[in-house]
Amino acid sequence: MDNRINEIRRTIRALRVSMLEAEAIMREQVDRDEDCSFVAQEILKMRSVMSLLVKERTTLGDDEPILVNCLYVRRRRPPRQSSADRVPESGNMPPQRVAAGI
């Protein structure tokens, strides 16, 4: 039973990474005004497979979160700021710090 749970967890991890990659490809196709129906269909298939795997995993009694060590990497450059939008930096003032949400 533990082997089946581990196999399901590995498959879910791989599906999550594949879905992130497919979503990035689909965004690029949308940005270029290309047809993205094939990629969208593949994502829907991956979601249905994932749904079945999650149900099976829950039935087997596994409820621990699955962590993926893959971070989403932006493929597009951030938009340029015009000189009017930039905040002038002052050498006298220390940089402002923002508290992280807890």
PDB file of N, CA and C in Angstrom:
ATOM      1  N   MET A   1       0.820  -1.188   0.000  1.00  0.00           N
ATOM      2  CA  MET A   1       0.000   0.000   0.000  1.00  0.00           C
ATOM      3  C   MET A   1       0.868   1.257   0.000  1.00  0.00           C
ATOM      4  N   ASP A   2       1.947   1.261   0.801  1.00  0.00           N
ATOM      5  CA  ASP A   2       2.837   2.427   0.816  1.00  0.00           C
ATOM      6  C   ASP A   2       3.496   2.627  -0.542  1.00  0.00           C
ATOM      7  N   ASN A   3       3.811   1.520  -1.229  1.00  0.00           N
ATOM      8  CA  ASN A   3       4.412   1.652  -2.553  1.00  0.00           C
ATOM      9  C   ASN A   3       3.454   2.315  -3.526  1.00  0.00           C
ATOM     10  N   ARG A   4       2.187   1.965  -3.464  1.00  0.00           N
ATOM     11  CA  ARG A   4       1.195   2.570  -4.342  1.00  0.00           C
ATOM     12  C   ARG A   4       1.026   4.057  -4.023  1.00  0.00           C
ATOM     13  N   ILE A   5       1.019   4.416  -2.753  1.00  0.00           N
ATOM     14  CA  ILE A   5       0.916   5.829  -2.362  1.00  0.00           C
ATOM     15  C   ILE A   5       2.127   6.602  -2.884  1.00  0.00           C
ATOM     16  N   ASN A   6       3.318   6.048  -2.727  1.00  0.00           N
ATOM     17  CA  ASN A   6       4.517   6.728  -3.220  1.00  0.00           C
ATOM     18  C   ASN A   6       4.490   6.876  -4.738  1.00  0.00           C
ATOM     19  N   GLU A   7       3.986   5.864  -5.425  1.00  0.00           N
ATOM     20  CA  GLU A   7       3.884   5.936  -6.881  1.00  0.00           C
ATOM     21  C   GLU A   7       2.894   7.031  -7.292  1.00  0.00           C
ATOM     22  N   ILE A   8       1.775   7.105  -6.592  1.00  0.00           N
ATOM     23  CA  ILE A   8       0.781   8.147  -6.885  1.00  0.00           C
ATOM     24  C   ILE A   8       1.372   9.524  -6.620  1.00  0.00           C
ATOM     25  N   ARG A   9       2.093   9.673  -5.523  1.00  0.00           N
ATOM     26  CA  ARG A   9       2.703  10.970  -5.197  1.00  0.00           C
ATOM     27  C   ARG A   9       3.713  11.389  -6.265  1.00  0.00           C
ATOM     28  N   ARG A  10       4.516  10.450  -6.746  1.00  0.00           N
ATOM     29  CA  ARG A  10       5.487  10.756  -7.815  1.00  0.00           C
ATOM     30  C   ARG A  10       4.773  11.185  -9.089  1.00  0.00           C
ATOM     31  N   THR A  11       3.701  10.476  -9.423  1.00  0.00           N
ATOM     32  CA  THR A  11       2.950  10.806 -10.631  1.00  0.00           C
ATOM     33  C   THR A  11       2.310  12.182 -10.517  1.00  0.00           C
ATOM     34  N   ILE A  12       1.761  12.502  -9.349  1.00  0.00           N
ATOM     35  CA  ILE A  12       1.151  13.816  -9.142  1.00  0.00           C
ATOM     36  C   ILE A  12       2.194  14.917  -9.259  1.00  0.00           C
ATOM     37  N   ARG A  13       3.373  14.698  -8.668  1.00  0.00           N
ATOM     38  CA  ARG A  13       4.457  15.692  -8.785  1.00  0.00           C
ATOM     39  C   ARG A  13       4.802  15.941 -10.254  1.00  0.00           C
ATOM     40  N   ALA A  14       4.959  14.859 -11.011  1.00  0.00           N
ATOM     41  CA  ALA A  14       5.311  14.991 -12.428  1.00  0.00           C
ATOM     42  C   ALA A  14       4.203  15.695 -13.200  1.00  0.00           C
ATOM     43  N   LEU A  15       2.958  15.370 -12.889  1.00  0.00           N
ATOM     44  CA  LEU A  15       1.836  16.030 -13.560  1.00  0.00           C
ATOM     45  C   LEU A  15       1.804  17.523 -13.256  1.00  0.00           C
ATOM     46  N   ARG A  16       2.064  17.895 -12.024  1.00  0.00           N
ATOM     47  CA  ARG A  16       2.056  19.320 -11.657  1.00  0.00           C
ATOM     48  C   ARG A  16       3.112  20.091 -12.433  1.00  0.00           C
ATOM     49  N   VAL A  17       4.298  19.514 -12.558  1.00  0.00           N
ATOM     50  CA  VAL A  17       5.363  20.179 -13.311  1.00  0.00           C
ATOM     51  C   VAL A  17       4.975  20.282 -14.784  1.00  0.00           C
ATOM     52  N   SER A  18       4.447  19.196 -15.341  1.00  0.00           N
ATOM     53  CA  SER A  18       4.026  19.208 -16.746  1.00  0.00           C
ATOM     54  C   SER A  18       2.919  20.231 -16.982  1.00  0.00           C
ATOM     55  N   MET A  19       2.001  20.338 -16.034  1.00  0.00           N
ATOM     56  CA  MET A  19       0.918  21.305 -16.189  1.00  0.00           C
ATOM     57  C   MET A  19       1.438  22.738 -16.149  1.00  0.00           C
ATOM     58  N   LEU A  20       2.398  23.012 -15.282  1.00  0.00           N
ATOM     59  CA  LEU A  20       2.986  24.358 -15.246  1.00  0.00           C
ATOM     60  C   LEU A  20       3.663  24.698 -16.566  1.00  0.00           C
ATOM     61  N   GLU A  21       4.388  23.723 -17.117  1.00  0.00           N
ATOM     62  CA  GLU A  21       5.056  23.961 -18.395  1.00  0.00           C
ATOM     63  C   GLU A  21       4.043  24.178 -19.515  1.00  0.00           C
ATOM     64  N   ALA A  22       2.992  23.361 -19.534  1.00  0.00           N
ATOM     65  CA  ALA A  22       1.962  23.495 -20.567  1.00  0.00           C
ATOM     66  C   ALA A  22       1.237  24.835 -20.446  1.00  0.00           C
ATOM     67  N   GLU A  23       0.976  25.272 -19.219  1.00  0.00           N
ATOM     68  CA  GLU A  23       0.316  26.564 -19.031  1.00  0.00           C
ATOM     69  C   GLU A  23       1.197  27.707 -19.523  1.00  0.00           C
ATOM     70  N   ALA A  24       2.500  27.596 -19.317  1.00  0.00           N
ATOM     71  CA  ALA A  24       3.408  28.636 -19.811  1.00  0.00           C
ATOM     72  C   ALA A  24       3.400  28.664 -21.339  1.00  0.00           C
ATOM     73  N   ILE A  25       3.392  27.486 -21.950  1.00  0.00           N
ATOM     74  CA  ILE A  25       3.341  27.418 -23.417  1.00  0.00           C
ATOM     75  C   ILE A  25       2.032  28.012 -23.924  1.00  0.00           C
ATOM     76  N   MET A  26       0.929  27.699 -23.249  1.00  0.00           N
ATOM     77  CA  MET A  26      -0.367  28.214 -23.663  1.00  0.00           C
ATOM     78  C   MET A  26      -0.411  29.739 -23.545  1.00  0.00           C
ATOM     79  N   ARG A  27       0.155  30.286 -22.466  1.00  0.00           N
ATOM     80  CA  ARG A  27       0.194  31.755 -22.322  1.00  0.00           C
ATOM     81  C   ARG A  27       0.968  32.396 -23.474  1.00  0.00           C
ATOM     82  N   GLU A  28       2.089  31.771 -23.844  1.00  0.00           N
ATOM     83  CA  GLU A  28       2.874  32.318 -24.956  1.00  0.00           C
ATOM     84  C   GLU A  28       2.069  32.279 -26.253  1.00  0.00           C
ATOM     85  N   GLN A  29       1.336  31.177 -26.484  1.00  0.00           N
ATOM     86  CA  GLN A  29       0.525  31.081 -27.693  1.00  0.00           C
ATOM     87  C   GLN A  29      -0.581  32.125 -27.694  1.00  0.00           C
ATOM     88  N   VAL A  30      -1.205  32.358 -26.550  1.00  0.00           N
ATOM     89  CA  VAL A  30      -2.250  33.373 -26.463  1.00  0.00           C
ATOM     90  C   VAL A  30      -1.659  34.750 -26.732  1.00  0.00           C
ATOM     91  N   ASP A  31      -0.486  35.016 -26.177  1.00  0.00           N
ATOM     92  CA  ASP A  31       0.158  36.319 -26.392  1.00  0.00           C
ATOM     93  C   ASP A  31       0.482  36.555 -27.861  1.00  0.00           C
ATOM     94  N   ARG A  32       0.780  35.483 -28.594  1.00  0.00           N
ATOM     95  CA  ARG A  32       1.101  35.607 -30.022  1.00  0.00           C
ATOM     96  C   ARG A  32      -0.138  35.455 -30.899  1.00  0.00           C
ATOM     97  N   ASP A  33      -1.310  35.370 -30.282  1.00  0.00           N
ATOM     98  CA  ASP A  33      -2.583  35.202 -31.001  1.00  0.00           C
ATOM     99  C   ASP A  33      -2.609  33.906 -31.810  1.00  0.00           C
ATOM    100  N   GLU A  34      -2.015  32.860 -31.292  1.00  0.00           N
ATOM    101  CA  GLU A  34      -2.018  31.554 -31.956  1.00  0.00           C
ATOM    102  C   GLU A  34      -3.091  30.667 -31.341  1.00  0.00           C
ATOM    103  N   ASP A  35      -3.433  29.602 -32.041  1.00  0.00           N
ATOM    104  CA  ASP A  35      -4.417  28.642 -31.555  1.00  0.00           C
ATOM    105  C   ASP A  35      -3.787  27.799 -30.445  1.00  0.00           C
ATOM    106  N   CYS A  36      -4.408  27.786 -29.284  1.00  0.00           N
ATOM    107  CA  CYS A  36      -3.867  27.037 -28.153  1.00  0.00           C
ATOM    108  C   CYS A  36      -4.812  25.923 -27.718  1.00  0.00           C
ATOM    109  N   SER A  37      -5.720  25.514 -28.598  1.00  0.00           N
ATOM    110  CA  SER A  37      -6.728  24.519 -28.219  1.00  0.00           C
ATOM    111  C   SER A  37      -6.102  23.159 -27.911  1.00  0.00           C
ATOM    112  N   PHE A  38      -5.059  22.778 -28.642  1.00  0.00           N
ATOM    113  CA  PHE A  38      -4.432  21.472 -28.393  1.00  0.00           C
ATOM    114  C   PHE A  38      -3.821  21.428 -26.994  1.00  0.00           C
ATOM    115  N   VAL A  39      -3.087  22.468 -26.643  1.00  0.00           N
ATOM    116  CA  VAL A  39      -2.453  22.513 -25.317  1.00  0.00           C
ATOM    117  C   VAL A  39      -3.511  22.581 -24.227  1.00  0.00           C
ATOM    118  N   ALA A  40      -4.584  23.331 -24.464  1.00  0.00           N
ATOM    119  CA  ALA A  40      -5.660  23.427 -23.481  1.00  0.00           C
ATOM    120  C   ALA A  40      -6.319  22.066 -23.259  1.00  0.00           C
ATOM    121  N   GLN A  41      -6.520  21.312 -24.335  1.00  0.00           N
ATOM    122  CA  GLN A  41      -7.092  19.964 -24.203  1.00  0.00           C
ATOM    123  C   GLN A  41      -6.169  19.054 -23.405  1.00  0.00           C
ATOM    124  N   GLU A  42      -4.872  19.167 -23.642  1.00  0.00           N
ATOM    125  CA  GLU A  42      -3.912  18.346 -22.902  1.00  0.00           C
ATOM    126  C   GLU A  42      -3.923  18.692 -21.408  1.00  0.00           C
ATOM    127  N   ILE A  43      -4.047  19.976 -21.096  1.00  0.00           N
ATOM    128  CA  ILE A  43      -4.114  20.388 -19.689  1.00  0.00           C
ATOM    129  C   ILE A  43      -5.371  19.820 -19.036  1.00  0.00           C
ATOM    130  N   LEU A  44      -6.493  19.852 -19.750  1.00  0.00           N
ATOM    131  CA  LEU A  44      -7.723  19.283 -19.203  1.00  0.00           C
ATOM    132  C   LEU A  44      -7.586  17.780 -18.964  1.00  0.00           C
ATOM    133  N   LYS A  45      -6.905  17.084 -19.865  1.00  0.00           N
ATOM    134  CA  LYS A  45      -6.669  15.648 -19.668  1.00  0.00           C
ATOM    135  C   LYS A  45      -5.803  15.417 -18.432  1.00  0.00           C
ATOM    136  N   MET A  46      -4.761  16.239 -18.281  1.00  0.00           N
ATOM    137  CA  MET A  46      -3.887  16.099 -17.108  1.00  0.00           C
ATOM    138  C   MET A  46      -4.668  16.354 -15.825  1.00  0.00           C
ATOM    139  N   ARG A  47      -5.584  17.333 -15.861  1.00  0.00           N
ATOM    140  CA  ARG A  47      -6.387  17.627 -14.667  1.00  0.00           C
ATOM    141  C   ARG A  47      -7.313  16.465 -14.306  1.00  0.00           C
ATOM    142  N   SER A  48      -7.883  15.828 -15.324  1.00  0.00           N
ATOM    143  CA  SER A  48      -8.771  14.697 -15.034  1.00  0.00           C
ATOM    144  C   SER A  48      -7.985  13.523 -14.461  1.00  0.00           C
ATOM    145  N   VAL A  49      -6.787  13.271 -14.992  1.00  0.00           N
ATOM    146  CA  VAL A  49      -5.939  12.209 -14.449  1.00  0.00           C
ATOM    147  C   VAL A  49      -5.545  12.537 -13.016  1.00  0.00           C
ATOM    148  N   MET A  50      -5.181  13.792 -12.773  1.00  0.00           N
ATOM    149  CA  MET A  50      -4.792  14.201 -11.428  1.00  0.00           C
ATOM    150  C   MET A  50      -5.954  14.034 -10.453  1.00  0.00           C
ATOM    151  N   SER A  51      -7.158  14.377 -10.890  1.00  0.00           N
ATOM    152  CA  SER A  51      -8.323  14.244 -10.029  1.00  0.00           C
ATOM    153  C   SER A  51      -8.524  12.790  -9.601  1.00  0.00           C
ATOM    154  N   LEU A  52      -8.382  11.871 -10.538  1.00  0.00           N
ATOM    155  CA  LEU A  52      -8.521  10.445 -10.210  1.00  0.00           C
ATOM    156  C   LEU A  52      -7.426   9.989  -9.251  1.00  0.00           C
ATOM    157  N   LEU A  53      -6.193  10.460  -9.490  1.00  0.00           N
ATOM    158  CA  LEU A  53      -5.088  10.083  -8.608  1.00  0.00           C
ATOM    159  C   LEU A  53      -5.292  10.610  -7.193  1.00  0.00           C
ATOM    160  N   VAL A  54      -5.800  11.829  -7.084  1.00  0.00           N
ATOM    161  CA  VAL A  54      -6.032  12.417  -5.759  1.00  0.00           C
ATOM    162  C   VAL A  54      -7.114  11.648  -5.021  1.00  0.00           C
ATOM    163  N   LYS A  55      -8.162  11.260  -5.739  1.00  0.00           N
ATOM    164  CA  LYS A  55      -9.226  10.468  -5.106  1.00  0.00           C
ATOM    165  C   LYS A  55      -8.670   9.129  -4.608  1.00  0.00           C
ATOM    166  N   GLU A  56      -7.860   8.468  -5.436  1.00  0.00           N
ATOM    167  CA  GLU A  56      -7.282   7.190  -5.029  1.00  0.00           C
ATOM    168  C   GLU A  56      -6.353   7.367  -3.834  1.00  0.00           C
ATOM    169  N   ARG A  57      -5.574   8.424  -3.868  1.00  0.00           N
ATOM    170  CA  ARG A  57      -4.640   8.702  -2.774  1.00  0.00           C
ATOM    171  C   ARG A  57      -5.393   8.942  -1.464  1.00  0.00           C
ATOM    172  N   THR A  58      -6.479   9.692  -1.539  1.00  0.00           N
ATOM    173  CA  THR A  58      -7.288   9.962  -0.352  1.00  0.00           C
ATOM    174  C   THR A  58      -7.929   8.672   0.163  1.00  0.00           C
ATOM    175  N   THR A  59      -8.373   7.830  -0.759  1.00  0.00           N
ATOM    176  CA  THR A  59      -8.972   6.554  -0.368  1.00  0.00           C
ATOM    177  C   THR A  59      -7.961   5.680   0.369  1.00  0.00           C
ATOM    178  N   LEU A  60      -6.696   5.745  -0.045  1.00  0.00           N
ATOM    179  CA  LEU A  60      -5.651   4.959   0.605  1.00  0.00           C
ATOM    180  C   LEU A  60      -5.225   5.560   1.944  1.00  0.00           C
ATOM    181  N   GLY A  61      -5.720   6.745   2.283  1.00  0.00           N
ATOM    182  CA  GLY A  61      -5.453   7.339   3.593  1.00  0.00           C
ATOM    183  C   GLY A  61      -4.304   8.317   3.639  1.00  0.00           C
ATOM    184  N   ASP A  62      -3.811   8.765   2.487  1.00  0.00           N
ATOM    185  CA  ASP A  62      -2.705   9.733   2.463  1.00  0.00           C
ATOM    186  C   ASP A  62      -3.278  11.136   2.364  1.00  0.00           C
ATOM    187  N   ASP A  63      -2.958  11.993   3.347  1.00  0.00           N
ATOM    188  CA  ASP A  63      -3.449  13.367   3.311  1.00  0.00           C
ATOM    189  C   ASP A  63      -2.336  14.381   3.512  1.00  0.00           C
ATOM    190  N   GLU A  64      -1.081  13.962   3.386  1.00  0.00           N
ATOM    191  CA  GLU A  64       0.046  14.892   3.510  1.00  0.00           C
ATOM    192  C   GLU A  64       0.163  15.724   2.232  1.00  0.00           C
ATOM    193  N   PRO A  65       0.562  16.979   2.356  1.00  0.00           N
ATOM    194  CA  PRO A  65       0.727  17.803   1.156  1.00  0.00           C
ATOM    195  C   PRO A  65       1.905  17.309   0.317  1.00  0.00           C
ATOM    196  N   ILE A  66       1.786  17.471  -0.987  1.00  0.00           N
ATOM    197  CA  ILE A  66       2.846  17.074  -1.912  1.00  0.00           C
ATOM    198  C   ILE A  66       3.573  18.342  -2.334  1.00  0.00           C
ATOM    199  N   LEU A  67       4.861  18.407  -2.082  1.00  0.00           N
ATOM    200  CA  LEU A  67       5.655  19.582  -2.420  1.00  0.00           C
ATOM    201  C   LEU A  67       6.398  19.333  -3.722  1.00  0.00           C
ATOM    202  N   VAL A  68       6.455  20.357  -4.556  1.00  0.00           N
ATOM    203  CA  VAL A  68       7.177  20.286  -5.822  1.00  0.00           C
ATOM    204  C   VAL A  68       8.346  21.246  -5.735  1.00  0.00           C
ATOM    205  N   ASN A  69       9.531  20.775  -6.052  1.00  0.00           N
ATOM    206  CA  ASN A  69      10.736  21.600  -5.960  1.00  0.00           C
ATOM    207  C   ASN A  69      11.000  22.369  -7.243  1.00  0.00           C
ATOM    208  N   CYS A  70       9.981  22.632  -8.004  1.00  0.00           N
ATOM    209  CA  CYS A  70      10.127  23.347  -9.262  1.00  0.00           C
ATOM    210  C   CYS A  70       9.429  24.693  -9.125  1.00  0.00           C
ATOM    211  N   LEU A  71      10.146  25.749  -9.322  1.00  0.00           N
ATOM    212  CA  LEU A  71       9.556  27.081  -9.250  1.00  0.00           C
ATOM    213  C   LEU A  71       9.181  27.535 -10.649  1.00  0.00           C
ATOM    214  N   TYR A  72       8.121  28.293 -10.738  1.00  0.00           N
ATOM    215  CA  TYR A  72       7.700  28.835 -12.021  1.00  0.00           C
ATOM    216  C   TYR A  72       8.695  29.891 -12.466  1.00  0.00           C
ATOM    217  N   VAL A  73       9.225  29.735 -13.656  1.00  0.00           N
ATOM    218  CA  VAL A  73      10.193  30.680 -14.193  1.00  0.00           C
ATOM    219  C   VAL A  73       9.490  31.494 -15.269  1.00  0.00           C
ATOM    220  N   ARG A  74       9.519  32.803 -15.095  1.00  0.00           N
ATOM    221  CA  ARG A  74       8.886  33.673 -16.083  1.00  0.00           C
ATOM    222  C   ARG A  74       9.662  33.618 -17.373  1.00  0.00           C
ATOM    223  N   ARG A  75       8.969  33.478 -18.467  1.00  0.00           N
ATOM    224  CA  ARG A  75       9.615  33.429 -19.775  1.00  0.00           C
ATOM    225  C   ARG A  75       9.642  34.795 -20.437  1.00  0.00           C
ATOM    226  N   ARG A  76       8.823  35.700 -19.927  1.00  0.00           N
ATOM    227  CA  ARG A  76       8.789  37.043 -20.514  1.00  0.00           C
ATOM    228  C   ARG A  76       9.538  38.007 -19.620  1.00  0.00           C
ATOM    229  N   ARG A  77      10.111  39.005 -20.239  1.00  0.00           N
ATOM    230  CA  ARG A  77      10.753  40.061 -19.461  1.00  0.00           C
ATOM    231  C   ARG A  77       9.683  40.957 -18.856  1.00  0.00           C
ATOM    232  N   PRO A  78       9.939  41.492 -17.667  1.00  0.00           N
ATOM    233  CA  PRO A  78       8.970  42.440 -17.106  1.00  0.00           C
ATOM    234  C   PRO A  78       8.928  43.695 -17.972  1.00  0.00           C
ATOM    235  N   PRO A  79       7.792  44.381 -18.036  1.00  0.00           N
ATOM    236  CA  PRO A  79       7.696  45.578 -18.870  1.00  0.00           C
ATOM    237  C   PRO A  79       8.644  46.663 -18.372  1.00  0.00           C
ATOM    238  N   ARG A  80       9.149  47.421 -19.323  1.00  0.00           N
ATOM    239  CA  ARG A  80      10.064  48.515 -18.967  1.00  0.00           C
ATOM    240  C   ARG A  80       9.286  49.642 -18.305  1.00  0.00           C
ATOM    241  N   GLN A  81       9.931  50.288 -17.366  1.00  0.00           N
ATOM    242  CA  GLN A  81       9.323  51.452 -16.733  1.00  0.00           C
ATOM    243  C   GLN A  81       9.815  52.697 -17.455  1.00  0.00           C
ATOM    244  N   SER A  82       8.895  53.609 -17.675  1.00  0.00           N
ATOM    245  CA  SER A  82       9.310  54.868 -18.278  1.00  0.00           C
ATOM    246  C   SER A  82      10.030  55.694 -17.213  1.00  0.00           C
ATOM    247  N   SER A  83      10.764  56.683 -17.634  1.00  0.00           N
ATOM    248  CA  SER A  83      11.526  57.493 -16.684  1.00  0.00           C
ATOM    249  C   SER A  83      10.592  58.257 -15.740  1.00  0.00           C
ATOM    250  N   ALA A  84       9.363  58.507 -16.161  1.00  0.00           N
ATOM    251  CA  ALA A  84       8.410  59.219 -15.304  1.00  0.00           C
ATOM    252  C   ALA A  84       7.896  58.317 -14.183  1.00  0.00           C
ATOM    253  N   ASP A  85       7.852  56.990 -14.434  1.00  0.00           N
ATOM    254  CA  ASP A  85       7.348  56.050 -13.438  1.00  0.00           C
ATOM    255  C   ASP A  85       8.378  55.689 -12.377  1.00  0.00           C
ATOM    256  N   ARG A  86       9.628  55.887 -12.681  1.00  0.00           N
ATOM    257  CA  ARG A  86      10.685  55.497 -11.744  1.00  0.00           C
ATOM    258  C   ARG A  86      10.733  56.440 -10.554  1.00  0.00           C
ATOM    259  N   VAL A  87      11.000  55.867  -9.412  1.00  0.00           N
ATOM    260  CA  VAL A  87      11.145  56.661  -8.194  1.00  0.00           C
ATOM    261  C   VAL A  87      12.612  57.053  -8.079  1.00  0.00           C
ATOM    262  N   PRO A  88      12.896  58.335  -7.930  1.00  0.00           N
ATOM    263  CA  PRO A  88      14.301  58.737  -7.813  1.00  0.00           C
ATOM    264  C   PRO A  88      14.902  58.188  -6.521  1.00  0.00           C
ATOM    265  N   GLU A  89      16.114  57.676  -6.642  1.00  0.00           N
ATOM    266  CA  GLU A  89      16.792  57.137  -5.465  1.00  0.00           C
ATOM    267  C   GLU A  89      17.590  58.244  -4.788  1.00  0.00           C
ATOM    268  N   SER A  90      17.496  58.285  -3.497  1.00  0.00           N
ATOM    269  CA  SER A  90      18.223  59.289  -2.737  1.00  0.00           C
ATOM    270  C   SER A  90      19.327  58.594  -1.967  1.00  0.00           C
ATOM    271  N   GLY A  91      20.503  59.156  -1.972  1.00  0.00           N
ATOM    272  CA  GLY A  91      21.625  58.557  -1.257  1.00  0.00           C
ATOM    273  C   GLY A  91      21.518  58.732   0.247  1.00  0.00           C
ATOM    274  N   ASN A  92      20.708  59.690   0.707  1.00  0.00           N
ATOM    275  CA  ASN A  92      20.603  59.970   2.134  1.00  0.00           C
ATOM    276  C   ASN A  92      19.648  59.036   2.867  1.00  0.00           C
ATOM    277  N   MET A  93      18.633  58.546   2.183  1.00  0.00           N
ATOM    278  CA  MET A  93      17.584  57.783   2.851  1.00  0.00           C
ATOM    279  C   MET A  93      17.877  56.282   2.785  1.00  0.00           C
ATOM    280  N   PRO A  94      17.667  55.579   3.906  1.00  0.00           N
ATOM    281  CA  PRO A  94      17.846  54.122   3.880  1.00  0.00           C
ATOM    282  C   PRO A  94      16.693  53.484   3.104  1.00  0.00           C
ATOM    283  N   PRO A  95      16.911  52.315   2.510  1.00  0.00           N
ATOM    284  CA  PRO A  95      15.833  51.666   1.761  1.00  0.00           C
ATOM    285  C   PRO A  95      14.696  51.260   2.702  1.00  0.00           C
ATOM    286  N   GLN A  96      13.487  51.346   2.212  1.00  0.00           N
ATOM    287  CA  GLN A  96      12.332  50.969   3.019  1.00  0.00           C
ATOM    288  C   GLN A  96      12.230  49.455   3.082  1.00  0.00           C
ATOM    289  N   ARG A  97      11.819  48.965   4.240  1.00  0.00           N
ATOM    290  CA  ARG A  97      11.646  47.530   4.406  1.00  0.00           C
ATOM    291  C   ARG A  97      10.169  47.223   4.554  1.00  0.00           C
ATOM    292  N   VAL A  98       9.782  46.122   3.956  1.00  0.00           N
ATOM    293  CA  VAL A  98       8.389  45.703   4.016  1.00  0.00           C
ATOM    294  C   VAL A  98       8.338  44.409   4.811  1.00  0.00           C
ATOM    295  N   ALA A  99       7.449  44.356   5.778  1.00  0.00           N
ATOM    296  CA  ALA A  99       7.321  43.156   6.599  1.00  0.00           C
ATOM    297  C   ALA A  99       6.624  42.057   5.803  1.00  0.00           C
ATOM    298  N   ALA A 100       7.134  40.848   5.912  1.00  0.00           N
ATOM    299  CA  ALA A 100       6.535  39.719   5.215  1.00  0.00           C
ATOM    300  C   ALA A 100       5.250  39.319   5.919  1.00  0.00           C
ATOM    301  N   GLY A 101       4.272  38.852   5.129  1.00  0.00           N
ATOM    302  CA  GLY A 101       3.017  38.385   5.711  1.00  0.00           C
ATOM    303  C   GLY A 101       3.233  37.130   6.536  1.00  0.00           C
ATOM    304  N   ILE A 102       2.581  37.058   7.649  1.00  0.00           N
ATOM    305  CA  ILE A 102       2.753  35.898   8.526  1.00  0.00           C
ATOM    306  C   ILE A 102       1.523  35.036   8.451  1.00  0.00           C
TER     307      ILE A 102
END
